[in-house]
Amino acid sequence: MLTARQVAAPEAYAIGLVDRLVEAGKAEQEALRLAAKLRTMSLPALQAVIRTVDASFDLPLQEGFAYEVAQEQGLFESGEAKEGLMAFLEKRPPNFV
């Protein structure tokens, strides 16, 4: 970003700028596959991850860690973490609300 150098897709993948490459014409199919996977996950947990990442840009490291812990604690208090753990132990898909 600082140099404005364009990066080809394979290099972007190699340096971790993107996490997957999709063949031309298959982006919509891949996006729908990813959306289907995300739909099975805990919405409060996904929201907590997004809030934590957003907050990490403005917080010093130790405060960021404390914020992350608070987000995780909220998931335990809401029952989302308990359902995830129970589903894992019972070898079944989780049933998030």
C-alpha atoms as a PDB file:
ATOM      1  CA  MET A   1       0.000   0.000   0.000  1.00  0.00           C
ATOM      2  CA  LEU A   2       2.813   2.416   0.737  1.00  0.00           C
ATOM      3  CA  THR A   3       4.463   1.912  -2.639  1.00  0.00           C
ATOM      4  CA  ALA A   4       1.221   1.463  -4.630  1.00  0.00           C
ATOM      5  CA  ARG A   5       2.873  -1.499  -6.360  1.00  0.00           C
ATOM      6  CA  GLN A   6       0.331  -3.806  -7.931  1.00  0.00           C
ATOM      7  CA  VAL A   7       0.578  -7.402  -6.778  1.00  0.00           C
ATOM      8  CA  ALA A   8      -0.542 -10.326  -8.933  1.00  0.00           C
ATOM      9  CA  ALA A   9      -2.891 -12.845  -7.352  1.00  0.00           C
ATOM     10  CA  PRO A  10      -0.297 -15.632  -6.876  1.00  0.00           C
ATOM     11  CA  GLU A  11       2.067 -13.259  -5.086  1.00  0.00           C
ATOM     12  CA  ALA A  12      -0.774 -11.840  -2.967  1.00  0.00           C
ATOM     13  CA  TYR A  13      -1.577 -15.398  -1.894  1.00  0.00           C
ATOM     14  CA  ALA A  14       2.087 -16.227  -1.234  1.00  0.00           C
ATOM     15  CA  ILE A  15       2.587 -13.214   1.037  1.00  0.00           C
ATOM     16  CA  GLY A  16      -0.684 -13.724   2.917  1.00  0.00           C
ATOM     17  CA  LEU A  17      -2.534 -10.726   1.499  1.00  0.00           C
ATOM     18  CA  VAL A  18      -5.371 -13.036   0.452  1.00  0.00           C
ATOM     19  CA  ASP A  19      -6.238 -16.444   1.901  1.00  0.00           C
ATOM     20  CA  ARG A  20      -7.433 -18.174  -1.258  1.00  0.00           C
ATOM     21  CA  LEU A  21      -7.392 -17.967  -5.024  1.00  0.00           C
ATOM     22  CA  VAL A  22     -10.385 -18.842  -7.160  1.00  0.00           C
ATOM     23  CA  GLU A  23     -10.493 -19.616 -10.859  1.00  0.00           C
ATOM     24  CA  ALA A  24     -12.061 -17.010 -13.103  1.00  0.00           C
ATOM     25  CA  GLY A  25     -15.818 -17.406 -13.226  1.00  0.00           C
ATOM     26  CA  LYS A  26     -15.971 -19.329  -9.926  1.00  0.00           C
ATOM     27  CA  ALA A  27     -15.858 -16.426  -7.477  1.00  0.00           C
ATOM     28  CA  GLU A  28     -19.616 -16.417  -6.880  1.00  0.00           C
ATOM     29  CA  GLN A  29     -19.658 -20.168  -6.241  1.00  0.00           C
ATOM     30  CA  GLU A  30     -16.756 -19.843  -3.785  1.00  0.00           C
ATOM     31  CA  ALA A  31     -18.409 -16.879  -2.039  1.00  0.00           C
ATOM     32  CA  LEU A  32     -21.606 -18.885  -1.590  1.00  0.00           C
ATOM     33  CA  ARG A  33     -19.615 -21.826  -0.217  1.00  0.00           C
ATOM     34  CA  LEU A  34     -17.904 -19.549   2.288  1.00  0.00           C
ATOM     35  CA  ALA A  35     -21.233 -17.948   3.244  1.00  0.00           C
ATOM     36  CA  ALA A  36     -22.753 -21.398   3.828  1.00  0.00           C
ATOM     37  CA  LYS A  37     -19.863 -22.288   6.122  1.00  0.00           C
ATOM     38  CA  LEU A  38     -20.129 -19.013   8.044  1.00  0.00           C
ATOM     39  CA  ARG A  39     -23.877 -19.572   8.457  1.00  0.00           C
ATOM     40  CA  THR A  40     -23.126 -22.677  10.564  1.00  0.00           C
ATOM     41  CA  MET A  41     -20.970 -20.708  12.974  1.00  0.00           C
ATOM     42  CA  SER A  42     -21.986 -18.752  16.044  1.00  0.00           C
ATOM     43  CA  LEU A  43     -23.100 -15.267  15.003  1.00  0.00           C
ATOM     44  CA  PRO A  44     -22.130 -13.742  18.372  1.00  0.00           C
ATOM     45  CA  ALA A  45     -18.675 -15.347  18.072  1.00  0.00           C
ATOM     46  CA  LEU A  46     -18.199 -14.012  14.546  1.00  0.00           C
ATOM     47  CA  GLN A  47     -19.290 -10.562  15.709  1.00  0.00           C
ATOM     48  CA  ALA A  48     -16.874 -10.752  18.659  1.00  0.00           C
ATOM     49  CA  VAL A  49     -14.009 -11.576  16.292  1.00  0.00           C
ATOM     50  CA  ILE A  50     -14.857  -8.599  14.077  1.00  0.00           C
ATOM     51  CA  ARG A  51     -15.157  -6.251  17.079  1.00  0.00           C
ATOM     52  CA  THR A  52     -11.834  -7.493  18.456  1.00  0.00           C
ATOM     53  CA  VAL A  53     -10.017  -7.030  15.145  1.00  0.00           C
ATOM     54  CA  ASP A  54     -11.508  -3.545  14.751  1.00  0.00           C
ATOM     55  CA  ALA A  55     -10.550  -2.575  18.307  1.00  0.00           C
ATOM     56  CA  SER A  56      -7.005  -3.895  17.902  1.00  0.00           C
ATOM     57  CA  PHE A  57      -6.160  -1.050  15.536  1.00  0.00           C
ATOM     58  CA  ASP A  58      -6.744   1.573  18.224  1.00  0.00           C
ATOM     59  CA  LEU A  59      -5.663  -0.160  21.425  1.00  0.00           C
ATOM     60  CA  PRO A  60      -2.235  -0.783  22.934  1.00  0.00           C
ATOM     61  CA  LEU A  61      -1.321  -4.474  22.998  1.00  0.00           C
ATOM     62  CA  GLN A  62      -2.223  -5.174  26.643  1.00  0.00           C
ATOM     63  CA  GLU A  63      -5.559  -3.357  26.326  1.00  0.00           C
ATOM     64  CA  GLY A  64      -6.229  -5.329  23.146  1.00  0.00           C
ATOM     65  CA  PHE A  65      -5.643  -8.576  25.012  1.00  0.00           C
ATOM     66  CA  ALA A  66      -8.013  -7.440  27.774  1.00  0.00           C
ATOM     67  CA  TYR A  67     -10.633  -6.529  25.165  1.00  0.00           C
ATOM     68  CA  GLU A  68     -10.304  -9.967  23.583  1.00  0.00           C
ATOM     69  CA  VAL A  69     -10.715 -11.677  26.957  1.00  0.00           C
ATOM     70  CA  ALA A  70     -13.847  -9.601  27.629  1.00  0.00           C
ATOM     71  CA  GLN A  71     -15.289 -10.622  24.258  1.00  0.00           C
ATOM     72  CA  GLU A  72     -14.586 -14.295  24.972  1.00  0.00           C
ATOM     73  CA  GLN A  73     -16.102 -14.006  28.451  1.00  0.00           C
ATOM     74  CA  GLY A  74     -19.264 -12.618  26.911  1.00  0.00           C
ATOM     75  CA  LEU A  75     -19.525 -15.690  24.696  1.00  0.00           C
ATOM     76  CA  PHE A  76     -19.294 -17.978  27.727  1.00  0.00           C
ATOM     77  CA  GLU A  77     -21.937 -15.949  29.530  1.00  0.00           C
ATOM     78  CA  SER A  78     -24.284 -16.133  26.529  1.00  0.00           C
ATOM     79  CA  GLY A  79     -23.984 -19.919  26.238  1.00  0.00           C
ATOM     80  CA  GLU A  80     -22.436 -19.860  22.751  1.00  0.00           C
ATOM     81  CA  ALA A  81     -19.095 -21.199  23.959  1.00  0.00           C
ATOM     82  CA  LYS A  82     -20.777 -23.875  26.060  1.00  0.00           C
ATOM     83  CA  GLU A  83     -22.763 -25.096  23.037  1.00  0.00           C
ATOM     84  CA  GLY A  84     -19.617 -25.203  20.927  1.00  0.00           C
ATOM     85  CA  LEU A  85     -17.722 -27.184  23.551  1.00  0.00           C
ATOM     86  CA  MET A  86     -20.613 -29.587  24.177  1.00  0.00           C
ATOM     87  CA  ALA A  87     -21.060 -30.199  20.455  1.00  0.00           C
ATOM     88  CA  PHE A  88     -17.347 -30.946  20.145  1.00  0.00           C
ATOM     89  CA  LEU A  89     -17.396 -33.357  23.087  1.00  0.00           C
ATOM     90  CA  GLU A  90     -20.560 -35.052  21.822  1.00  0.00           C
ATOM     91  CA  LYS A  91     -19.134 -35.226  18.275  1.00  0.00           C
ATOM     92  CA  ARG A  92     -22.107 -33.420  16.741  1.00  0.00           C
ATOM     93  CA  PRO A  93     -22.606 -30.205  14.825  1.00  0.00           C
ATOM     94  CA  PRO A  94     -23.238 -27.234  17.112  1.00  0.00           C
ATOM     95  CA  ASN A  95     -26.710 -25.761  17.314  1.00  0.00           C
ATOM     96  CA  PHE A  96     -26.061 -22.047  17.707  1.00  0.00           C
ATOM     97  CA  VAL A  97     -29.025 -19.758  18.315  1.00  0.00           C
END
